[in-house]
Amino acid sequence: MPKIRTNRGASKRFKLTAKNKVKRNKAYASHILTKKTSKRKRNLRKGGIVNSADERRVKRMIVK
């Protein structure tokens, strides 16, 4: 059985934390920023954690 290859797109978007959770960036921060409030844009700069429902799938994609 062949090894599972790392999904290169996913490996650039997701990182594992020390406690083995999956860290991600927030969406909607790249364009059409004039109508978004400063507070909203500031919160988009912060990272997020992948939902537990999707965590297993993402970890499988970024396995090395």
N, C-alpha and C. Protein backbone atom coordinates (compact mmCIF):
# COMPACT_ATOMS: atom_id res chain seq x y z
N MET A 1 0.85 -1.19 0.00
CA MET A 1 0.00 0.00 0.00
C MET A 1 0.89 1.25 0.00
N PRO A 2 0.63 2.22 -0.92
CA PRO A 2 1.48 3.40 -0.96
C PRO A 2 1.22 4.34 0.21
N LYS A 3 2.21 5.18 0.49
CA LYS A 3 2.06 6.17 1.56
C LYS A 3 1.08 7.25 1.13
N ILE A 4 0.46 7.91 2.11
CA ILE A 4 -0.42 9.04 1.82
C ILE A 4 0.45 10.27 1.60
N ARG A 5 0.21 10.97 0.49
CA ARG A 5 1.01 12.16 0.20
C ARG A 5 0.41 13.37 0.90
N THR A 6 1.27 14.29 1.27
CA THR A 6 0.84 15.53 1.89
C THR A 6 0.14 16.39 0.85
N ASN A 7 -1.01 16.95 1.20
CA ASN A 7 -1.69 17.90 0.33
C ASN A 7 -0.96 19.23 0.47
N ARG A 8 -0.28 19.66 -0.58
CA ARG A 8 0.61 20.82 -0.49
C ARG A 8 -0.16 22.11 -0.21
N GLY A 9 -1.35 22.24 -0.77
CA GLY A 9 -2.16 23.43 -0.51
C GLY A 9 -2.58 23.49 0.94
N ALA A 10 -2.96 22.34 1.49
CA ALA A 10 -3.40 22.29 2.89
C ALA A 10 -2.22 22.53 3.84
N SER A 11 -1.04 22.03 3.49
CA SER A 11 0.11 22.19 4.38
C SER A 11 0.55 23.64 4.48
N LYS A 12 0.23 24.45 3.46
CA LYS A 12 0.56 25.88 3.50
C LYS A 12 -0.49 26.66 4.29
N ARG A 13 -1.69 26.13 4.39
CA ARG A 13 -2.79 26.84 5.06
C ARG A 13 -2.96 26.48 6.52
N PHE A 14 -2.57 25.29 6.92
CA PHE A 14 -2.80 24.81 8.28
C PHE A 14 -1.50 24.44 8.96
N LYS A 15 -1.44 24.69 10.28
CA LYS A 15 -0.28 24.29 11.08
C LYS A 15 -0.80 23.60 12.34
N LEU A 16 0.00 22.70 12.90
CA LEU A 16 -0.38 22.04 14.14
C LEU A 16 0.17 22.82 15.33
N THR A 17 -0.63 22.94 16.38
CA THR A 17 -0.19 23.59 17.60
C THR A 17 0.51 22.56 18.48
N ALA A 18 1.03 23.02 19.60
CA ALA A 18 1.74 22.13 20.52
C ALA A 18 0.81 21.07 21.10
N LYS A 19 -0.47 21.43 21.27
CA LYS A 19 -1.44 20.47 21.81
C LYS A 19 -2.15 19.69 20.72
N ASN A 20 -1.56 19.69 19.51
CA ASN A 20 -2.03 18.89 18.38
C ASN A 20 -3.38 19.34 17.83
N LYS A 21 -3.71 20.62 18.02
CA LYS A 21 -4.89 21.18 17.38
C LYS A 21 -4.44 21.79 16.06
N VAL A 22 -5.39 22.04 15.16
CA VAL A 22 -5.04 22.57 13.85
C VAL A 22 -5.36 24.06 13.81
N LYS A 23 -4.33 24.86 13.53
CA LYS A 23 -4.46 26.31 13.46
C LYS A 23 -4.74 26.71 12.02
N ARG A 24 -5.56 27.75 11.85
CA ARG A 24 -5.89 28.21 10.51
C ARG A 24 -5.97 29.73 10.49
N ASN A 25 -5.96 30.30 9.28
CA ASN A 25 -6.19 31.73 9.12
C ASN A 25 -7.65 31.96 8.82
N LYS A 26 -8.14 33.16 9.12
CA LYS A 26 -9.54 33.48 8.86
C LYS A 26 -9.72 33.93 7.42
N ALA A 27 -10.89 33.69 6.88
CA ALA A 27 -11.22 34.09 5.51
C ALA A 27 -11.77 35.50 5.49
N TYR A 28 -11.98 36.04 4.29
CA TYR A 28 -12.60 37.35 4.05
C TYR A 28 -11.71 38.52 4.47
N ALA A 29 -10.41 38.36 4.46
CA ALA A 29 -9.53 39.46 4.88
C ALA A 29 -8.68 40.00 3.74
N SER A 30 -8.90 39.57 2.52
CA SER A 30 -7.97 39.93 1.45
C SER A 30 -8.42 41.10 0.58
N HIS A 31 -9.72 41.28 0.36
CA HIS A 31 -10.17 42.40 -0.46
C HIS A 31 -11.57 42.84 -0.04
N ILE A 32 -12.04 43.93 -0.64
CA ILE A 32 -13.30 44.61 -0.26
C ILE A 32 -13.25 44.94 1.23
N LEU A 33 -12.19 45.64 1.62
CA LEU A 33 -11.96 45.94 3.04
C LEU A 33 -12.56 47.29 3.46
N THR A 34 -12.96 48.12 2.49
CA THR A 34 -13.43 49.47 2.84
C THR A 34 -14.74 49.43 3.62
N LYS A 35 -15.60 48.48 3.32
CA LYS A 35 -16.89 48.43 4.01
C LYS A 35 -16.83 47.66 5.33
N LYS A 36 -15.72 47.02 5.62
CA LYS A 36 -15.58 46.28 6.88
C LYS A 36 -15.05 47.21 7.97
N THR A 37 -15.56 47.05 9.17
CA THR A 37 -15.14 47.90 10.28
C THR A 37 -13.72 47.54 10.72
N SER A 38 -13.08 48.47 11.41
CA SER A 38 -11.72 48.24 11.91
C SER A 38 -11.70 47.05 12.86
N LYS A 39 -12.71 46.94 13.70
CA LYS A 39 -12.79 45.84 14.66
C LYS A 39 -12.87 44.50 13.94
N ARG A 40 -13.69 44.47 12.89
CA ARG A 40 -13.85 43.23 12.13
C ARG A 40 -12.54 42.83 11.44
N LYS A 41 -11.85 43.83 10.84
CA LYS A 41 -10.58 43.54 10.17
C LYS A 41 -9.51 43.12 11.16
N ARG A 42 -9.51 43.72 12.34
CA ARG A 42 -8.54 43.35 13.37
C ARG A 42 -8.76 41.91 13.83
N ASN A 43 -10.01 41.51 13.99
CA ASN A 43 -10.32 40.14 14.39
C ASN A 43 -10.01 39.13 13.29
N LEU A 44 -10.05 39.56 12.03
CA LEU A 44 -9.70 38.67 10.92
C LEU A 44 -8.20 38.39 10.88
N ARG A 45 -7.39 39.29 11.45
CA ARG A 45 -5.94 39.07 11.48
C ARG A 45 -5.55 37.96 12.43
N LYS A 46 -6.37 37.72 13.44
CA LYS A 46 -6.07 36.67 14.42
C LYS A 46 -6.35 35.30 13.81
N GLY A 47 -5.63 34.33 14.28
CA GLY A 47 -5.85 32.97 13.80
C GLY A 47 -7.07 32.34 14.43
N GLY A 48 -7.40 31.17 13.95
CA GLY A 48 -8.51 30.41 14.51
C GLY A 48 -8.11 28.95 14.61
N ILE A 49 -8.96 28.17 15.23
CA ILE A 49 -8.74 26.73 15.36
C ILE A 49 -9.77 26.03 14.47
N VAL A 50 -9.35 25.00 13.77
CA VAL A 50 -10.25 24.23 12.91
C VAL A 50 -11.28 23.52 13.79
N ASN A 51 -12.52 23.52 13.32
CA ASN A 51 -13.61 22.86 14.04
C ASN A 51 -13.32 21.38 14.21
N SER A 52 -13.77 20.83 15.34
CA SER A 52 -13.48 19.42 15.65
C SER A 52 -14.06 18.46 14.62
N ALA A 53 -15.14 18.87 13.94
CA ALA A 53 -15.75 18.02 12.91
C ALA A 53 -14.83 17.87 11.70
N ASP A 54 -14.02 18.90 11.42
CA ASP A 54 -13.14 18.87 10.25
C ASP A 54 -11.70 18.53 10.60
N GLU A 55 -11.39 18.47 11.89
CA GLU A 55 -10.00 18.34 12.32
C GLU A 55 -9.34 17.06 11.80
N ARG A 56 -10.02 15.95 11.88
CA ARG A 56 -9.45 14.68 11.45
C ARG A 56 -9.12 14.70 9.96
N ARG A 57 -10.02 15.29 9.17
CA ARG A 57 -9.82 15.37 7.72
C ARG A 57 -8.61 16.23 7.37
N VAL A 58 -8.48 17.36 8.07
CA VAL A 58 -7.37 18.28 7.81
C VAL A 58 -6.05 17.66 8.22
N LYS A 59 -6.03 17.00 9.39
CA LYS A 59 -4.79 16.36 9.86
C LYS A 59 -4.32 15.29 8.87
N ARG A 60 -5.26 14.59 8.26
CA ARG A 60 -4.90 13.57 7.29
C ARG A 60 -4.26 14.20 6.05
N MET A 61 -4.72 15.39 5.68
CA MET A 61 -4.16 16.06 4.51
C MET A 61 -2.76 16.60 4.79
N ILE A 62 -2.49 17.03 6.04
CA ILE A 62 -1.19 17.66 6.32
C ILE A 62 -0.20 16.71 6.97
N VAL A 63 -0.52 15.41 7.01
CA VAL A 63 0.37 14.42 7.60
C VAL A 63 1.68 14.40 6.81
N LYS A 64 2.81 14.30 7.52
CA LYS A 64 4.10 14.34 6.81
C LYS A 64 4.76 12.98 6.77
